[in-house]
Amino acid sequence: MKKGNWVRIYDVVLKSSERSPNLPEDTKNVPLEMWNKGFLLEDGIVGEQVKIQTLTDRIVEGKLLEENPTYTHSFGKFVPEILPIGRQLKEILRGGAEDA
């Protein structure tokens, strides 16, 4: 990938052995991981350590994962039961149903 491309990187911030002993057991048994996006500061290949500049102008280093990362989450499947909520709320805020 070329310098200046928008990319996503990964790094382990703290190994599980370096984490606070005050954390819950299931949390302290895993590393503290970081994923970050920014502009590549040098040419790089997926899997290599690279430096990026984030939108807040921080310089961050990590393993190059992908170019032009996209969001892959959603808000789930359509739920028909919540469809009338908007109208019901407007009615409540107006003080009840309007006369026709």
N, C-alpha and C. Protein backbone atom coordinates (compact mmCIF):
# COMPACT_ATOMS: atom_id res chain seq x y z
N MET A 1 0.84 -1.17 0.00
CA MET A 1 0.00 0.00 0.00
C MET A 1 0.88 1.23 0.00
N LYS A 2 0.36 2.28 -0.57
CA LYS A 2 1.15 3.49 -0.78
C LYS A 2 1.01 4.48 0.37
N LYS A 3 2.07 5.23 0.58
CA LYS A 3 2.08 6.31 1.55
C LYS A 3 0.88 7.23 1.28
N GLY A 4 0.18 7.64 2.35
CA GLY A 4 -0.97 8.53 2.21
C GLY A 4 -2.30 7.82 2.13
N ASN A 5 -2.32 6.49 1.92
CA ASN A 5 -3.57 5.74 1.86
C ASN A 5 -4.22 5.65 3.25
N TRP A 6 -5.54 5.59 3.28
CA TRP A 6 -6.31 5.43 4.51
C TRP A 6 -6.30 3.96 4.87
N VAL A 7 -5.82 3.62 6.09
CA VAL A 7 -5.65 2.22 6.47
C VAL A 7 -6.09 2.00 7.92
N ARG A 8 -6.15 0.72 8.28
CA ARG A 8 -6.42 0.33 9.67
C ARG A 8 -5.25 -0.50 10.16
N ILE A 9 -4.83 -0.25 11.41
CA ILE A 9 -3.73 -1.00 12.01
C ILE A 9 -4.19 -1.66 13.32
N TYR A 10 -3.35 -2.56 13.82
CA TYR A 10 -3.63 -3.29 15.06
C TYR A 10 -2.36 -3.34 15.89
N ASP A 11 -2.51 -3.27 17.21
CA ASP A 11 -1.37 -3.42 18.11
C ASP A 11 -1.85 -3.91 19.47
N VAL A 12 -0.98 -4.60 20.17
CA VAL A 12 -1.24 -5.00 21.55
C VAL A 12 -0.64 -3.92 22.43
N VAL A 13 -1.48 -3.22 23.17
CA VAL A 13 -1.03 -2.13 24.03
C VAL A 13 -0.40 -2.69 25.31
N LEU A 14 -1.06 -3.66 25.92
CA LEU A 14 -0.54 -4.34 27.11
C LEU A 14 -0.78 -5.83 26.98
N LYS A 15 0.25 -6.63 27.27
CA LYS A 15 0.07 -8.08 27.33
C LYS A 15 -0.75 -8.39 28.58
N SER A 16 -1.38 -9.55 28.60
CA SER A 16 -2.21 -9.90 29.76
C SER A 16 -1.40 -9.87 31.05
N SER A 17 -0.12 -10.24 30.99
CA SER A 17 0.74 -10.24 32.19
C SER A 17 1.05 -8.82 32.68
N GLU A 18 0.86 -7.82 31.84
CA GLU A 18 1.16 -6.43 32.20
C GLU A 18 -0.07 -5.67 32.70
N ARG A 19 -1.22 -6.29 32.65
CA ARG A 19 -2.46 -5.60 33.03
C ARG A 19 -2.62 -5.53 34.55
N SER A 20 -3.43 -4.57 34.98
CA SER A 20 -3.65 -4.34 36.40
C SER A 20 -4.25 -5.57 37.08
N PRO A 21 -3.78 -5.89 38.29
CA PRO A 21 -4.36 -7.02 39.02
C PRO A 21 -5.76 -6.71 39.55
N ASN A 22 -6.17 -5.45 39.50
CA ASN A 22 -7.49 -5.06 40.01
C ASN A 22 -8.62 -5.29 39.01
N LEU A 23 -8.29 -5.75 37.81
CA LEU A 23 -9.31 -5.98 36.79
C LEU A 23 -10.06 -7.29 37.06
N PRO A 24 -11.28 -7.41 36.55
CA PRO A 24 -11.98 -8.70 36.64
C PRO A 24 -11.13 -9.79 35.96
N GLU A 25 -11.25 -11.00 36.44
CA GLU A 25 -10.42 -12.11 35.97
C GLU A 25 -10.48 -12.29 34.45
N ASP A 26 -11.69 -12.27 33.87
CA ASP A 26 -11.82 -12.49 32.42
C ASP A 26 -11.20 -11.35 31.62
N THR A 27 -11.11 -10.16 32.19
CA THR A 27 -10.51 -9.01 31.49
C THR A 27 -8.99 -9.07 31.57
N LYS A 28 -8.44 -9.34 32.75
CA LYS A 28 -6.99 -9.33 32.88
C LYS A 28 -6.32 -10.53 32.23
N ASN A 29 -7.08 -11.52 31.84
CA ASN A 29 -6.51 -12.71 31.18
C ASN A 29 -6.33 -12.53 29.68
N VAL A 30 -6.73 -11.38 29.15
CA VAL A 30 -6.56 -11.13 27.71
C VAL A 30 -5.76 -9.83 27.53
N PRO A 31 -5.07 -9.69 26.42
CA PRO A 31 -4.30 -8.46 26.21
C PRO A 31 -5.21 -7.27 25.93
N LEU A 32 -4.70 -6.07 26.19
CA LEU A 32 -5.39 -4.84 25.82
C LEU A 32 -4.99 -4.55 24.39
N GLU A 33 -5.95 -4.57 23.47
CA GLU A 33 -5.68 -4.43 22.06
C GLU A 33 -6.16 -3.08 21.53
N MET A 34 -5.54 -2.63 20.44
CA MET A 34 -5.90 -1.36 19.82
C MET A 34 -6.04 -1.56 18.31
N TRP A 35 -7.12 -1.01 17.78
CA TRP A 35 -7.29 -0.90 16.34
C TRP A 35 -7.42 0.59 16.06
N ASN A 36 -6.75 1.07 15.03
CA ASN A 36 -6.78 2.49 14.75
C ASN A 36 -6.76 2.71 13.25
N LYS A 37 -7.29 3.85 12.82
CA LYS A 37 -7.31 4.19 11.40
C LYS A 37 -6.56 5.49 11.19
N GLY A 38 -5.94 5.60 10.02
CA GLY A 38 -5.21 6.82 9.71
C GLY A 38 -4.56 6.74 8.35
N PHE A 39 -3.76 7.76 8.07
CA PHE A 39 -3.06 7.85 6.79
C PHE A 39 -1.68 7.24 6.92
N LEU A 40 -1.36 6.34 6.01
CA LEU A 40 -0.08 5.64 6.02
C LEU A 40 1.06 6.64 5.80
N LEU A 41 2.07 6.60 6.66
CA LEU A 41 3.18 7.54 6.57
C LEU A 41 4.34 7.02 5.73
N GLU A 42 4.26 5.75 5.35
CA GLU A 42 5.28 5.13 4.50
C GLU A 42 4.62 3.99 3.74
N ASP A 43 5.18 3.59 2.61
CA ASP A 43 4.64 2.43 1.90
C ASP A 43 4.69 1.22 2.82
N GLY A 44 3.72 0.33 2.70
CA GLY A 44 3.70 -0.84 3.57
C GLY A 44 2.96 -2.01 2.96
N ILE A 45 3.16 -3.17 3.56
CA ILE A 45 2.52 -4.41 3.14
C ILE A 45 1.70 -4.93 4.31
N VAL A 46 0.54 -5.51 4.03
CA VAL A 46 -0.31 -6.08 5.08
C VAL A 46 0.52 -7.04 5.93
N GLY A 47 0.41 -6.88 7.25
CA GLY A 47 1.16 -7.71 8.19
C GLY A 47 2.43 -7.05 8.70
N GLU A 48 2.91 -5.99 8.03
CA GLU A 48 4.11 -5.29 8.46
C GLU A 48 3.78 -4.23 9.50
N GLN A 49 4.77 -3.85 10.32
CA GLN A 49 4.65 -2.73 11.25
C GLN A 49 4.76 -1.45 10.44
N VAL A 50 3.81 -0.54 10.64
CA VAL A 50 3.82 0.74 9.93
C VAL A 50 3.43 1.85 10.90
N LYS A 51 3.64 3.08 10.46
CA LYS A 51 3.18 4.24 11.22
C LYS A 51 2.09 4.93 10.42
N ILE A 52 1.09 5.42 11.17
CA ILE A 52 0.01 6.18 10.54
C ILE A 52 -0.17 7.50 11.26
N GLN A 53 -0.83 8.43 10.59
CA GLN A 53 -1.23 9.68 11.22
C GLN A 53 -2.74 9.68 11.27
N THR A 54 -3.29 9.78 12.48
CA THR A 54 -4.74 9.73 12.66
C THR A 54 -5.36 11.08 12.30
N LEU A 55 -6.67 11.12 12.27
CA LEU A 55 -7.39 12.37 11.99
C LEU A 55 -7.14 13.43 13.06
N THR A 56 -6.72 12.99 14.25
CA THR A 56 -6.40 13.94 15.32
C THR A 56 -4.90 14.25 15.37
N ASP A 57 -4.21 13.90 14.28
CA ASP A 57 -2.77 14.17 14.10
C ASP A 57 -1.85 13.40 15.04
N ARG A 58 -2.34 12.31 15.63
CA ARG A 58 -1.46 11.44 16.42
C ARG A 58 -0.69 10.53 15.48
N ILE A 59 0.54 10.23 15.82
CA ILE A 59 1.34 9.25 15.08
C ILE A 59 1.27 7.95 15.87
N VAL A 60 0.78 6.89 15.24
CA VAL A 60 0.56 5.60 15.92
C VAL A 60 1.20 4.51 15.08
N GLU A 61 1.76 3.51 15.76
CA GLU A 61 2.41 2.40 15.07
C GLU A 61 1.66 1.11 15.35
N GLY A 62 1.61 0.24 14.35
CA GLY A 62 0.96 -1.05 14.52
C GLY A 62 1.09 -1.90 13.27
N LYS A 63 0.50 -3.09 13.33
CA LYS A 63 0.52 -4.01 12.19
C LYS A 63 -0.54 -3.59 11.18
N LEU A 64 -0.16 -3.43 9.94
CA LEU A 64 -1.07 -3.02 8.88
C LEU A 64 -2.07 -4.14 8.60
N LEU A 65 -3.37 -3.80 8.69
CA LEU A 65 -4.42 -4.80 8.48
C LEU A 65 -5.10 -4.67 7.12
N GLU A 66 -5.53 -3.44 6.78
CA GLU A 66 -6.29 -3.29 5.54
C GLU A 66 -6.28 -1.85 5.06
N GLU A 67 -6.59 -1.70 3.79
CA GLU A 67 -6.70 -0.39 3.16
C GLU A 67 -8.17 -0.04 3.02
N ASN A 68 -8.49 1.23 3.16
CA ASN A 68 -9.86 1.73 3.05
C ASN A 68 -10.85 0.91 3.88
N PRO A 69 -10.62 0.81 5.19
CA PRO A 69 -11.50 0.01 6.05
C PRO A 69 -12.92 0.57 6.07
N THR A 70 -13.89 -0.34 6.17
CA THR A 70 -15.29 0.07 6.21
C THR A 70 -15.93 -0.45 7.49
N TYR A 71 -17.05 0.15 7.85
CA TYR A 71 -17.81 -0.32 9.00
C TYR A 71 -18.59 -1.56 8.60
N THR A 72 -18.61 -2.56 9.47
CA THR A 72 -19.31 -3.80 9.14
C THR A 72 -20.41 -4.12 10.15
N HIS A 73 -20.66 -3.20 11.09
CA HIS A 73 -21.70 -3.46 12.09
C HIS A 73 -23.05 -2.99 11.56
N SER A 74 -24.10 -3.42 12.22
CA SER A 74 -25.45 -2.96 11.88
C SER A 74 -26.23 -2.79 13.17
N PHE A 75 -27.45 -2.33 13.04
CA PHE A 75 -28.31 -2.19 14.21
C PHE A 75 -29.29 -3.36 14.30
N GLY A 76 -29.00 -4.44 13.61
CA GLY A 76 -29.80 -5.64 13.69
C GLY A 76 -30.92 -5.67 12.67
N LYS A 77 -31.74 -6.70 12.76
CA LYS A 77 -32.85 -6.89 11.84
C LYS A 77 -34.01 -5.97 12.20
N PHE A 78 -34.86 -5.75 11.23
CA PHE A 78 -36.05 -4.94 11.40
C PHE A 78 -36.96 -5.55 12.46
N VAL A 79 -37.47 -4.71 13.37
CA VAL A 79 -38.37 -5.16 14.43
C VAL A 79 -39.69 -4.40 14.26
N PRO A 80 -40.73 -5.05 13.74
CA PRO A 80 -41.99 -4.35 13.44
C PRO A 80 -42.66 -3.75 14.67
N GLU A 81 -42.42 -4.31 15.84
CA GLU A 81 -43.06 -3.81 17.06
C GLU A 81 -42.63 -2.39 17.41
N ILE A 82 -41.46 -1.95 16.96
CA ILE A 82 -41.02 -0.60 17.31
C ILE A 82 -41.45 0.45 16.29
N LEU A 83 -42.04 0.02 15.20
CA LEU A 83 -42.45 0.95 14.15
C LEU A 83 -43.41 2.03 14.63
N PRO A 84 -44.45 1.74 15.42
CA PRO A 84 -45.40 2.79 15.83
C PRO A 84 -44.90 3.70 16.96
N ILE A 85 -43.71 3.45 17.49
CA ILE A 85 -43.22 4.21 18.64
C ILE A 85 -43.14 5.71 18.34
N GLY A 86 -42.64 6.08 17.18
CA GLY A 86 -42.51 7.49 16.83
C GLY A 86 -43.84 8.23 16.87
N ARG A 87 -44.87 7.64 16.29
CA ARG A 87 -46.20 8.27 16.29
C ARG A 87 -46.78 8.33 17.69
N GLN A 88 -46.60 7.24 18.46
CA GLN A 88 -47.11 7.22 19.83
C GLN A 88 -46.44 8.30 20.67
N LEU A 89 -45.16 8.48 20.50
CA LEU A 89 -44.43 9.48 21.26
C LEU A 89 -44.92 10.89 20.91
N LYS A 90 -45.13 11.15 19.63
CA LYS A 90 -45.64 12.46 19.23
C LYS A 90 -47.00 12.73 19.85
N GLU A 91 -47.85 11.73 19.89
CA GLU A 91 -49.17 11.87 20.51
C GLU A 91 -49.04 12.20 21.99
N ILE A 92 -48.19 11.50 22.68
CA ILE A 92 -47.99 11.72 24.11
C ILE A 92 -47.45 13.14 24.35
N LEU A 93 -46.50 13.56 23.55
CA LEU A 93 -45.90 14.89 23.73
C LEU A 93 -46.90 16.01 23.42
N ARG A 94 -47.85 15.75 22.54
CA ARG A 94 -48.86 16.75 22.22
C ARG A 94 -50.00 16.74 23.21
N GLY A 95 -50.01 15.81 24.11
CA GLY A 95 -51.08 15.77 25.12
C GLY A 95 -52.25 14.88 24.74
N GLY A 96 -52.04 13.93 23.88
CA GLY A 96 -53.11 13.02 23.48
C GLY A 96 -53.39 13.11 22.01
N ALA A 97 -54.31 12.30 21.56
CA ALA A 97 -54.67 12.27 20.13
C ALA A 97 -55.35 13.56 19.73
N GLU A 98 -55.03 14.01 18.52
CA GLU A 98 -55.69 15.21 17.99
C GLU A 98 -57.07 14.87 17.49
N ASP A 99 -58.00 15.85 17.58
CA ASP A 99 -59.33 15.65 17.03
C ASP A 99 -59.25 15.74 15.51
N ALA A 100 -59.98 14.88 14.85
CA ALA A 100 -59.97 14.88 13.38
C ALA A 100 -61.01 15.79 12.83
